[in-house]
PDB file of N, CA and C in Angstrom:
ATOM      1  N   MET A   1      47.958 110.336  76.409  1.00  0.00           N
ATOM      2  CA  MET A   1      47.285 111.960  76.234  1.00  0.00           C
ATOM      3  C   MET A   1      47.834 112.769  74.559  1.00  0.00           C
ATOM      4  N   GLY A   2      46.765 112.953  73.966  1.00  0.00           N
ATOM      5  CA  GLY A   2      47.336 113.122  72.878  1.00  0.00           C
ATOM      6  C   GLY A   2      48.216 114.762  72.732  1.00  0.00           C
ATOM      7  N   VAL A   3      48.466 115.066  71.397  1.00  0.00           N
ATOM      8  CA  VAL A   3      49.027 116.464  71.248  1.00  0.00           C
ATOM      9  C   VAL A   3      48.207 117.585  72.029  1.00  0.00           C
ATOM     10  N   VAL A   4      47.110 117.748  71.576  1.00  0.00           N
ATOM     11  CA  VAL A   4      45.990 118.589  72.163  1.00  0.00           C
ATOM     12  C   VAL A   4      46.164 118.879  73.690  1.00  0.00           C
ATOM     13  N   GLY A   5      46.506 117.465  74.489  1.00  0.00           N
ATOM     14  CA  GLY A   5      46.347 117.716  75.976  1.00  0.00           C
ATOM     15  C   GLY A   5      47.505 117.952  76.496  1.00  0.00           C
ATOM     16  N   HIS A   6      48.493 117.553  75.800  1.00  0.00           N
ATOM     17  CA  HIS A   6      49.856 117.910  76.114  1.00  0.00           C
ATOM     18  C   HIS A   6      49.949 119.528  75.512  1.00  0.00           C
ATOM     19  N   LEU A   7      49.176 120.022  74.775  1.00  0.00           N
ATOM     20  CA  LEU A   7      49.493 121.713  74.855  1.00  0.00           C
ATOM     21  C   LEU A   7      48.654 122.257  75.893  1.00  0.00           C
ATOM     22  N   LEU A   8      47.433 121.911  75.863  1.00  0.00           N
ATOM     23  CA  LEU A   8      46.942 122.435  77.242  1.00  0.00           C
ATOM     24  C   LEU A   8      47.085 122.174  78.613  1.00  0.00           C
ATOM     25  N   GLY A   9      47.831 121.381  78.779  1.00  0.00           N
ATOM     26  CA  GLY A   9      48.387 120.988  80.284  1.00  0.00           C
ATOM     27  C   GLY A   9      49.469 122.052  80.545  1.00  0.00           C
ATOM     28  N   GLY A  10      50.192 122.177  79.245  1.00  0.00           N
ATOM     29  CA  GLY A  10      51.464 123.545  79.018  1.00  0.00           C
ATOM     30  C   GLY A  10      50.854 124.708  79.211  1.00  0.00           C
ATOM     31  N   LEU A  11      49.852 124.888  78.722  1.00  0.00           N
ATOM     32  CA  LEU A  11      49.059 126.057  78.915  1.00  0.00           C
ATOM     33  C   LEU A  11      48.675 126.537  80.091  1.00  0.00           C
ATOM     34  N   ARG A  12      48.091 125.922  80.772  1.00  0.00           N
ATOM     35  CA  ARG A  12      47.526 125.905  82.106  1.00  0.00           C
ATOM     36  C   ARG A  12      48.895 126.161  82.878  1.00  0.00           C
ATOM     37  N   ARG A  13      49.917 125.368  83.103  1.00  0.00           N
ATOM     38  CA  ARG A  13      50.659 125.441  83.686  1.00  0.00           C
ATOM     39  C   ARG A  13      51.684 126.834  83.230  1.00  0.00           C
ATOM     40  N   ALA A  14      51.804 127.270  82.206  1.00  0.00           N
ATOM     41  CA  ALA A  14      52.300 128.525  81.902  1.00  0.00           C
ATOM     42  C   ALA A  14      51.592 129.668  82.776  1.00  0.00           C
ATOM     43  N   ILE A  15      50.259 129.578  82.482  1.00  0.00           N
ATOM     44  CA  ILE A  15      49.416 130.877  82.959  1.00  0.00           C
ATOM     45  C   ILE A  15      49.559 130.849  84.529  1.00  0.00           C
ATOM     46  N   GLY A  16      49.494 129.468  84.922  1.00  0.00           N
ATOM     47  CA  GLY A  16      49.708 129.867  86.533  1.00  0.00           C
ATOM     48  C   GLY A  16      50.978 130.144  87.117  1.00  0.00           C
ATOM     49  N   ARG A  17      52.048 129.806  86.325  1.00  0.00           N
ATOM     50  CA  ARG A  17      53.517 130.741  86.632  1.00  0.00           C
ATOM     51  C   ARG A  17      53.413 132.114  86.108  1.00  0.00           C
ATOM     52  N   ILE A  18      52.899 132.509  85.350  1.00  0.00           N
ATOM     53  CA  ILE A  18      52.451 133.874  84.877  1.00  0.00           C
ATOM     54  C   ILE A  18      51.827 134.518  86.231  1.00  0.00           C
ATOM     55  N   LEU A  19      50.694 133.851  86.484  1.00  0.00           N
ATOM     56  CA  LEU A  19      49.827 134.704  87.743  1.00  0.00           C
ATOM     57  C   LEU A  19      50.724 134.467  88.769  1.00  0.00           C
ATOM     58  N   LEU A  20      51.461 133.663  89.285  1.00  0.00           N
ATOM     59  CA  LEU A  20      51.955 133.304  90.499  1.00  0.00           C
ATOM     60  C   LEU A  20      53.079 134.582  90.932  1.00  0.00           C
ATOM     61  N   TRP A  21      53.969 134.700  89.753  1.00  0.00           N
ATOM     62  CA  TRP A  21      55.201 135.615  89.470  1.00  0.00           C
ATOM     63  C   TRP A  21      54.553 137.056  89.537  1.00  0.00           C
ATOM     64  N   PHE A  22      53.439 137.071  89.013  1.00  0.00           N
ATOM     65  CA  PHE A  22      52.593 138.371  88.626  1.00  0.00           C
ATOM     66  C   PHE A  22      52.507 139.028  90.381  1.00  0.00           C
ATOM     67  N   LEU A  23      51.860 137.948  90.887  1.00  0.00           N
ATOM     68  CA  LEU A  23      51.274 138.367  92.268  1.00  0.00           C
ATOM     69  C   LEU A  23      52.493 138.541  93.257  1.00  0.00           C
ATOM     70  N   ILE A  24      53.854 137.627  92.935  1.00  0.00           N
ATOM     71  CA  ILE A  24      54.570 137.889  94.063  1.00  0.00           C
ATOM     72  C   ILE A  24      55.475 139.128  93.637  1.00  0.00           C
ATOM     73  N   PHE A  25      55.677 139.534  92.441  1.00  0.00           N
ATOM     74  CA  PHE A  25      56.382 140.811  92.488  1.00  0.00           C
ATOM     75  C   PHE A  25      55.451 142.255  92.472  1.00  0.00           C
ATOM     76  N   GLY A  26      54.332 141.630  92.596  1.00  0.00           N
ATOM     77  CA  GLY A  26      53.206 143.104  92.440  1.00  0.00           C
ATOM     78  C   GLY A  26      53.232 143.185  94.129  1.00  0.00           C
ATOM     79  N   ILE A  27      53.155 142.185  94.801  1.00  0.00           N
ATOM     80  CA  ILE A  27      53.047 142.518  96.048  1.00  0.00           C
ATOM     81  C   ILE A  27      54.862 143.034  96.741  1.00  0.00           C
ATOM     82  N   ILE A  28      55.633 142.443  96.368  1.00  0.00           N
ATOM     83  CA  ILE A  28      56.758 143.162  96.776  1.00  0.00           C
ATOM     84  C   ILE A  28      57.073 144.693  96.525  1.00  0.00           C
ATOM     85  N   GLY A  29      56.708 144.741  95.228  1.00  0.00           N
ATOM     86  CA  GLY A  29      56.949 145.957  95.061  1.00  0.00           C
ATOM     87  C   GLY A  29      56.129 147.249  95.625  1.00  0.00           C
ATOM     88  N   ALA A  30      54.822 147.000  95.437  1.00  0.00           N
ATOM     89  CA  ALA A  30      53.982 147.443  96.983  1.00  0.00           C
ATOM     90  C   ALA A  30      54.372 147.350  98.443  1.00  0.00           C
ATOM     91  N   ALA A  31      54.844 146.689  98.539  1.00  0.00           N
ATOM     92  CA  ALA A  31      55.295 146.736 100.070  1.00  0.00           C
ATOM     93  C   ALA A  31      56.574 147.358 100.407  1.00  0.00           C
ATOM     94  N   ILE A  32      57.398 146.894  99.311  1.00  0.00           N
ATOM     95  CA  ILE A  32      58.551 148.256  99.485  1.00  0.00           C
ATOM     96  C   ILE A  32      58.041 149.619  99.581  1.00  0.00           C
ATOM     97  N   VAL A  33      57.228 150.307  98.333  1.00  0.00           N
ATOM     98  CA  VAL A  33      56.992 151.296  98.709  1.00  0.00           C
ATOM     99  C   VAL A  33      56.177 151.747  99.989  1.00  0.00           C
ATOM    100  N   GLU A  34      55.328 150.977 100.123  1.00  0.00           N
ATOM    101  CA  GLU A  34      54.844 151.116 101.569  1.00  0.00           C
ATOM    102  C   GLU A  34      55.587 151.429 102.716  1.00  0.00           C
ATOM    103  N   GLY A  35      56.615 150.656 102.929  1.00  0.00           N
ATOM    104  CA  GLY A  35      57.368 150.230 103.952  1.00  0.00           C
ATOM    105  C   GLY A  35      58.468 151.374 103.993  1.00  0.00           C
ATOM    106  N   ALA A  36      58.994 151.849 102.676  1.00  0.00           N
ATOM    107  CA  ALA A  36      59.849 153.012 102.639  1.00  0.00           C
ATOM    108  C   ALA A  36      59.065 154.188 103.063  1.00  0.00           C
ATOM    109  N   ALA A  37      57.507 154.549 103.017  1.00  0.00           N
ATOM    110  CA  ALA A  37      56.812 155.594 103.329  1.00  0.00           C
ATOM    111  C   ALA A  37      56.419 155.740 104.906  1.00  0.00           C
ATOM    112  N   PHE A  38      56.432 154.391 105.271  1.00  0.00           N
ATOM    113  CA  PHE A  38      55.974 153.942 106.607  1.00  0.00           C
ATOM    114  C   PHE A  38      56.840 154.524 107.676  1.00  0.00           C
ATOM    115  N   PHE A  39      58.455 154.031 107.325  1.00  0.00           N
ATOM    116  CA  PHE A  39      59.306 154.345 107.895  1.00  0.00           C
ATOM    117  C   PHE A  39      60.195 155.973 107.729  1.00  0.00           C
ATOM    118  N   GLY A  40      59.614 156.234 106.325  1.00  0.00           N
ATOM    119  CA  GLY A  40      60.625 157.298 106.036  1.00  0.00           C
ATOM    120  C   GLY A  40      59.929 158.679 106.555  1.00  0.00           C
ATOM    121  N   THR A  41      58.873 158.397 106.593  1.00  0.00           N
ATOM    122  CA  THR A  41      58.066 159.850 107.192  1.00  0.00           C
ATOM    123  C   THR A  41      57.236 159.597 108.462  1.00  0.00           C
ATOM    124  N   LYS A  42      56.881 160.737 108.862  1.00  0.00           N
ATOM    125  CA  LYS A  42      56.607 160.698 110.548  1.00  0.00           C
ATOM    126  C   LYS A  42      55.281 160.787 110.518  1.00  0.00           C
ATOM    127  N   GLY A  43      54.213 161.226 109.460  1.00  0.00           N
ATOM    128  CA  GLY A  43      52.798 161.106 109.403  1.00  0.00           C
ATOM    129  C   GLY A  43      52.208 159.723 108.894  1.00  0.00           C
ATOM    130  N   GLY A  44      53.143 158.741 108.114  1.00  0.00           N
ATOM    131  CA  GLY A  44      52.559 157.670 107.733  1.00  0.00           C
ATOM    132  C   GLY A  44      52.469 157.663 106.443  1.00  0.00           C
ATOM    133  N   PRO A  45      52.113 156.897 105.553  1.00  0.00           N
ATOM    134  CA  PRO A  45      51.733 156.961 103.963  1.00  0.00           C
ATOM    135  C   PRO A  45      50.324 157.617 104.100  1.00  0.00           C
ATOM    136  N   THR A  46      50.364 158.403 102.617  1.00  0.00           N
ATOM    137  CA  THR A  46      48.909 159.025 102.372  1.00  0.00           C
ATOM    138  C   THR A  46      48.476 158.414 101.149  1.00  0.00           C
ATOM    139  N   THR A  47      47.564 159.199 100.951  1.00  0.00           N
ATOM    140  CA  THR A  47      46.677 158.516  99.619  1.00  0.00           C
ATOM    141  C   THR A  47      47.108 158.581  98.339  1.00  0.00           C
ATOM    142  N   ILE A  48      48.363 159.421  98.002  1.00  0.00           N
ATOM    143  CA  ILE A  48      49.525 159.750  97.057  1.00  0.00           C
ATOM    144  C   ILE A  48      50.388 158.499  96.904  1.00  0.00           C
ATOM    145  N   THR A  49      50.949 158.176  98.450  1.00  0.00           N
ATOM    146  CA  THR A  49      51.891 157.193  98.356  1.00  0.00           C
ATOM    147  C   THR A  49      51.114 155.668  98.289  1.00  0.00           C
ATOM    148  N   HIS A  50      49.926 155.410  98.491  1.00  0.00           N
ATOM    149  CA  HIS A  50      49.066 154.269  97.972  1.00  0.00           C
ATOM    150  C   HIS A  50      48.973 153.707  96.590  1.00  0.00           C
ATOM    151  N   ILE A  51      48.627 155.112  95.756  1.00  0.00           N
ATOM    152  CA  ILE A  51      48.643 154.919  94.332  1.00  0.00           C
ATOM    153  C   ILE A  51      49.635 154.956  93.689  1.00  0.00           C
ATOM    154  N   ILE A  52      50.896 155.514  94.467  1.00  0.00           N
ATOM    155  CA  ILE A  52      52.368 155.071  93.637  1.00  0.00           C
ATOM    156  C   ILE A  52      52.788 153.681  94.196  1.00  0.00           C
ATOM    157  N   ALA A  53      52.540 153.146  95.128  1.00  0.00           N
ATOM    158  CA  ALA A  53      52.594 151.587  95.563  1.00  0.00           C
ATOM    159  C   ALA A  53      51.884 150.821  94.641  1.00  0.00           C
ATOM    160  N   ALA A  54      50.611 151.382  94.214  1.00  0.00           N
ATOM    161  CA  ALA A  54      50.150 150.182  93.179  1.00  0.00           C
ATOM    162  C   ALA A  54      50.458 150.370  91.925  1.00  0.00           C
ATOM    163  N   ALA A  55      50.641 151.698  91.243  1.00  0.00           N
ATOM    164  CA  ALA A  55      51.741 151.659  90.387  1.00  0.00           C
ATOM    165  C   ALA A  55      52.760 150.979  90.224  1.00  0.00           C
ATOM    166  N   ILE A  56      53.761 151.344  91.409  1.00  0.00           N
ATOM    167  CA  ILE A  56      55.037 150.328  91.212  1.00  0.00           C
ATOM    168  C   ILE A  56      54.750 149.015  91.478  1.00  0.00           C
ATOM    169  N   GLY A  57      53.937 148.413  92.066  1.00  0.00           N
ATOM    170  CA  GLY A  57      53.652 147.212  92.123  1.00  0.00           C
ATOM    171  C   GLY A  57      53.012 146.514  90.853  1.00  0.00           C
ATOM    172  N   LEU A  58      52.255 147.379  90.381  1.00  0.00           N
ATOM    173  CA  LEU A  58      51.480 146.473  88.724  1.00  0.00           C
ATOM    174  C   LEU A  58      52.994 146.623  87.720  1.00  0.00           C
ATOM    175  N   THR A  59      53.682 147.821  87.867  1.00  0.00           N
ATOM    176  CA  THR A  59      54.769 147.747  86.916  1.00  0.00           C
ATOM    177  C   THR A  59      55.938 146.732  87.140  1.00  0.00           C
ATOM    178  N   LEU A  60      56.409 146.244  88.317  1.00  0.00           N
ATOM    179  CA  LEU A  60      57.084 145.200  88.722  1.00  0.00           C
ATOM    180  C   LEU A  60      56.251 143.728  88.263  1.00  0.00           C
ATOM    181  N   ALA A  61      55.123 143.516  88.627  1.00  0.00           N
ATOM    182  CA  ALA A  61      54.391 142.560  88.386  1.00  0.00           C
ATOM    183  C   ALA A  61      54.156 142.448  86.560  1.00  0.00           C
ATOM    184  N   TYR A  62      54.056 143.043  86.399  1.00  0.00           N
ATOM    185  CA  TYR A  62      53.736 143.285  84.681  1.00  0.00           C
ATOM    186  C   TYR A  62      55.252 142.862  83.922  1.00  0.00           C
ATOM    187  N   ALA A  63      56.354 143.057  84.520  1.00  0.00           N
ATOM    188  CA  ALA A  63      57.657 142.990  84.031  1.00  0.00           C
ATOM    189  C   ALA A  63      57.770 141.651  84.073  1.00  0.00           C
ATOM    190  N   ALA A  64      57.463 140.864  85.571  1.00  0.00           N
ATOM    191  CA  ALA A  64      58.184 139.510  85.973  1.00  0.00           C
ATOM    192  C   ALA A  64      57.214 138.488  84.912  1.00  0.00           C
ATOM    193  N   GLY A  65      55.523 139.189  84.541  1.00  0.00           N
ATOM    194  CA  GLY A  65      54.867 138.125  84.009  1.00  0.00           C
ATOM    195  C   GLY A  65      55.362 138.251  82.440  1.00  0.00           C
ATOM    196  N   LEU A  66      55.400 139.134  81.905  1.00  0.00           N
ATOM    197  CA  LEU A  66      56.241 139.051  80.696  1.00  0.00           C
ATOM    198  C   LEU A  66      57.508 138.156  80.769  1.00  0.00           C
ATOM    199  N   THR A  67      58.421 138.485  81.665  1.00  0.00           N
ATOM    200  CA  THR A  67      59.803 137.728  81.747  1.00  0.00           C
ATOM    201  C   THR A  67      59.080 136.084  82.032  1.00  0.00           C
ATOM    202  N   VAL A  68      58.258 135.896  82.514  1.00  0.00           N
ATOM    203  CA  VAL A  68      58.238 134.333  82.595  1.00  0.00           C
ATOM    204  C   VAL A  68      57.160 133.944  81.359  1.00  0.00           C
ATOM    205  N   LEU A  69      56.572 134.644  81.010  1.00  0.00           N
ATOM    206  CA  LEU A  69      55.650 134.239  79.408  1.00  0.00           C
ATOM    207  C   LEU A  69      57.193 134.020  78.664  1.00  0.00           C
ATOM    208  N   MET A  70      58.116 134.647  78.477  1.00  0.00           N
ATOM    209  CA  MET A  70      58.970 134.672  77.287  1.00  0.00           C
ATOM    210  C   MET A  70      59.704 133.155  77.655  1.00  0.00           C
ATOM    211  N   VAL A  71      60.264 133.370  79.087  1.00  0.00           N
ATOM    212  CA  VAL A  71      60.849 132.080  79.264  1.00  0.00           C
ATOM    213  C   VAL A  71      60.146 130.812  78.950  1.00  0.00           C
ATOM    214  N   GLU A  72      58.670 130.521  78.966  1.00  0.00           N
ATOM    215  CA  GLU A  72      57.445 129.626  78.752  1.00  0.00           C
ATOM    216  C   GLU A  72      57.597 129.325  77.057  1.00  0.00           C
ATOM    217  N   VAL A  73      57.553 130.505  76.473  1.00  0.00           N
ATOM    218  CA  VAL A  73      57.508 130.299  75.392  1.00  0.00           C
ATOM    219  C   VAL A  73      58.846 129.733  74.780  1.00  0.00           C
ATOM    220  N   ILE A  74      60.240 130.515  75.153  1.00  0.00           N
ATOM    221  CA  ILE A  74      61.062 129.364  74.664  1.00  0.00           C
ATOM    222  C   ILE A  74      61.370 128.174  75.024  1.00  0.00           C
ATOM    223  N   ARG A  75      61.272 127.873  76.187  1.00  0.00           N
ATOM    224  CA  ARG A  75      60.810 126.372  76.551  1.00  0.00           C
ATOM    225  C   ARG A  75      59.838 125.620  75.832  1.00  0.00           C
ATOM    226  N   PHE A  76      59.083 126.267  75.116  1.00  0.00           N
ATOM    227  CA  PHE A  76      57.862 125.561  74.341  1.00  0.00           C
ATOM    228  C   PHE A  76      58.743 125.187  73.073  1.00  0.00           C
ATOM    229  N   LEU A  77      59.271 126.331  72.234  1.00  0.00           N
ATOM    230  CA  LEU A  77      59.892 126.198  71.150  1.00  0.00           C
ATOM    231  C   LEU A  77      61.117 125.610  71.128  1.00  0.00           C
ATOM    232  N   VAL A  78      61.744 124.998  72.375  1.00  0.00           N
ATOM    233  CA  VAL A  78      63.445 124.356  72.329  1.00  0.00           C
ATOM    234  C   VAL A  78      62.298 122.850  72.551  1.00  0.00           C
ATOM    235  N   GLY A  79      61.427 122.468  73.087  1.00  0.00           N
ATOM    236  CA  GLY A  79      60.936 121.384  73.369  1.00  0.00           C
ATOM    237  C   GLY A  79      60.272 120.851  72.203  1.00  0.00           C
ATOM    238  N   ALA A  80      59.486 121.910  71.216  1.00  0.00           N
ATOM    239  CA  ALA A  80      59.309 121.425  69.704  1.00  0.00           C
ATOM    240  C   ALA A  80      60.304 121.140  68.897  1.00  0.00           C
ATOM    241  N   VAL A  81      61.358 121.732  69.038  1.00  0.00           N
ATOM    242  CA  VAL A  81      62.541 121.222  68.073  1.00  0.00           C
ATOM    243  C   VAL A  81      62.787 120.279  68.363  1.00  0.00           C
ATOM    244  N   ARG A  82      63.535 119.580  69.478  1.00  0.00           N
ATOM    245  CA  ARG A  82      63.775 118.591  69.923  1.00  0.00           C
ATOM    246  C   ARG A  82      62.807 117.214  69.574  1.00  0.00           C
ATOM    247  N   GLU A  83      61.776 117.811  69.787  1.00  0.00           N
ATOM    248  CA  GLU A  83      60.629 116.531  69.339  1.00  0.00           C
ATOM    249  C   GLU A  83      60.594 116.062  67.916  1.00  0.00           C
ATOM    250  N   ALA A  84      60.843 117.546  67.293  1.00  0.00           N
ATOM    251  CA  ALA A  84      61.146 117.220  65.835  1.00  0.00           C
ATOM    252  C   ALA A  84      61.979 116.604  65.472  1.00  0.00           C
ATOM    253  N   GLU A  85      63.274 117.198  65.927  1.00  0.00           N
ATOM    254  CA  GLU A  85      64.181 116.248  65.497  1.00  0.00           C
ATOM    255  C   GLU A  85      64.486 114.857  66.202  1.00  0.00           C
ATOM    256  N   LYS A  86      63.898 114.489  67.336  1.00  0.00           N
ATOM    257  CA  LYS A  86      63.985 113.187  67.305  1.00  0.00           C
ATOM    258  C   LYS A  86      62.977 112.519  66.300  1.00  0.00           C
ATOM    259  N   THR A  87      61.977 112.794  65.788  1.00  0.00           N
ATOM    260  CA  THR A  87      61.404 112.376  64.913  1.00  0.00           C
ATOM    261  C   THR A  87      61.833 112.461  63.224  1.00  0.00           C
ATOM    262  N   VAL A  88      62.913 113.058  63.050  1.00  0.00           N
ATOM    263  CA  VAL A  88      63.200 113.448  61.821  1.00  0.00           C
ATOM    264  C   VAL A  88      64.456 112.245  61.957  1.00  0.00           C
ATOM    265  N   GLU A  89      65.083 112.072  63.095  1.00  0.00           N
ATOM    266  CA  GLU A  89      66.408 111.012  63.433  1.00  0.00           C
ATOM    267  C   GLU A  89      65.523 109.581  63.295  1.00  0.00           C
ATOM    268  N   GLY A  90      64.418 109.425  63.696  1.00  0.00           N
ATOM    269  CA  GLY A  90      63.683 108.220  63.388  1.00  0.00           C
ATOM    270  C   GLY A  90      63.466 107.885  62.223  1.00  0.00           C
ATOM    271  N   GLU A  91      63.021 108.917  61.650  1.00  0.00           N
ATOM    272  CA  GLU A  91      62.790 108.587  60.138  1.00  0.00           C
ATOM    273  C   GLU A  91      63.819 108.768  59.222  1.00  0.00           C
ATOM    274  N   MET A  92      64.747 109.294  59.827  1.00  0.00           N
ATOM    275  CA  MET A  92      66.212 108.863  58.826  1.00  0.00           C
ATOM    276  C   MET A  92      67.026 107.674  58.958  1.00  0.00           C
ATOM    277  N   GLY A  93      66.682 107.285  60.337  1.00  0.00           N
ATOM    278  CA  GLY A  93      67.312 105.716  60.526  1.00  0.00           C
ATOM    279  C   GLY A  93      66.611 104.714  59.758  1.00  0.00           C
ATOM    280  N   ASN A  94      65.020 104.811  59.774  1.00  0.00           N
ATOM    281  CA  ASN A  94      64.309 104.001  58.958  1.00  0.00           C
ATOM    282  C   ASN A  94      64.577 103.985  57.853  1.00  0.00           C
ATOM    283  N   LEU A  95      64.522 105.640  56.995  1.00  0.00           N
ATOM    284  CA  LEU A  95      65.262 105.443  55.579  1.00  0.00           C
ATOM    285  C   LEU A  95      66.449 104.918  55.309  1.00  0.00           C
ATOM    286  N   GLY A  96      67.571 104.938  55.990  1.00  0.00           N
ATOM    287  CA  GLY A  96      69.036 104.060  55.995  1.00  0.00           C
ATOM    288  C   GLY A  96      68.596 102.410  55.959  1.00  0.00           C
ATOM    289  N   GLY A  97      67.926 102.100  56.694  1.00  0.00           N
ATOM    290  CA  GLY A  97      67.282 100.636  56.779  1.00  0.00           C
ATOM    291  C   GLY A  97      66.651 100.408  55.690  1.00  0.00           C
ATOM    292  N   ILE A  98      65.772 101.129  55.222  1.00  0.00           N
ATOM    293  CA  ILE A  98      64.894 100.744  53.749  1.00  0.00           C
ATOM    294  C   ILE A  98      65.966 100.833  52.409  1.00  0.00           C
ATOM    295  N   VAL A  99      67.150 102.015  52.637  1.00  0.00           N
ATOM    296  CA  VAL A  99      68.082 102.177  51.595  1.00  0.00           C
ATOM    297  C   VAL A  99      68.932 100.890  51.529  1.00  0.00           C
ATOM    298  N   GLY A 100      69.343 100.292  52.856  1.00  0.00           N
ATOM    299  CA  GLY A 100      70.258  99.247  52.739  1.00  0.00           C
ATOM    300  C   GLY A 100      69.645  97.737  52.281  1.00  0.00           C
ATOM    301  N   GLU A 101      68.157  97.523  52.643  1.00  0.00           N
ATOM    302  CA  GLU A 101      67.487  96.866  52.038  1.00  0.00           C
ATOM    303  C   GLU A 101      67.387  96.505  50.678  1.00  0.00           C
ATOM    304  N   VAL A 102      67.331  97.909  50.164  1.00  0.00           N
ATOM    305  CA  VAL A 102      66.959  98.006  48.391  1.00  0.00           C
ATOM    306  C   VAL A 102      68.704  97.753  47.803  1.00  0.00           C
ATOM    307  N   GLY A 103      69.465  98.396  48.417  1.00  0.00           N
ATOM    308  CA  GLY A 103      70.629  97.577  47.838  1.00  0.00           C
ATOM    309  C   GLY A 103      71.234  96.345  47.947  1.00  0.00           C
ATOM    310  N   LYS A 104      70.828  95.488  49.054  1.00  0.00           N
ATOM    311  CA  LYS A 104      70.642  94.362  49.129  1.00  0.00           C
ATOM    312  C   LYS A 104      70.046  93.280  48.333  1.00  0.00           C
ATOM    313  N   ALA A 105      68.789  93.935  48.003  1.00  0.00           N
ATOM    314  CA  ALA A 105      67.933  93.497  46.848  1.00  0.00           C
ATOM    315  C   ALA A 105      68.722  93.693  45.499  1.00  0.00           C
ATOM    316  N   ILE A 106      69.238  94.986  45.152  1.00  0.00           N
ATOM    317  CA  ILE A 106      69.825  94.831  43.943  1.00  0.00           C
ATOM    318  C   ILE A 106      70.794  93.964  43.628  1.00  0.00           C
ATOM    319  N   GLU A 107      71.877  94.040  44.975  1.00  0.00           N
ATOM    320  CA  GLU A 107      72.858  93.022  44.881  1.00  0.00           C
ATOM    321  C   GLU A 107      72.428  91.420  44.597  1.00  0.00           C
ATOM    322  N   LYS A 108      71.445  91.076  45.192  1.00  0.00           N
ATOM    323  CA  LYS A 108      71.043  89.826  44.585  1.00  0.00           C
ATOM    324  C   LYS A 108      70.503  89.843  43.553  1.00  0.00           C
ATOM    325  N   ARG A 109      69.687  90.632  42.495  1.00  0.00           N
ATOM    326  CA  ARG A 109      69.533  90.144  41.382  1.00  0.00           C
ATOM    327  C   ARG A 109      71.060  90.389  40.403  1.00  0.00           C
ATOM    328  N   LEU A 110      71.798  91.364  40.450  1.00  0.00           N
ATOM    329  CA  LEU A 110      72.763  91.384  39.405  1.00  0.00           C
ATOM    330  C   LEU A 110      73.714  89.949  39.652  1.00  0.00           C
TER     331      LEU A 110
END
């Protein structure tokens, strides 16, 4: 699988995680408000309670989605830096071997 395949796979995973946590926290936020309204009032939840529950649920869902997005971006950047480090170390190790061979060739000529 090429670089594009890995990027698309990571993007798909990140979007899936963002949506999952968005839904989980949205449901939790709305359920808490609805539960508090149900047990806190004698008449049960009203229309305004449903609107407030939706607003709080969306706010929590948005915050959770952004948090997961930031975690995924940082995870991607750390992975990219580690991959670049391995590439540079590999090239530097190869460079050291080349310099050593050049030094040996010069010693033979002298």
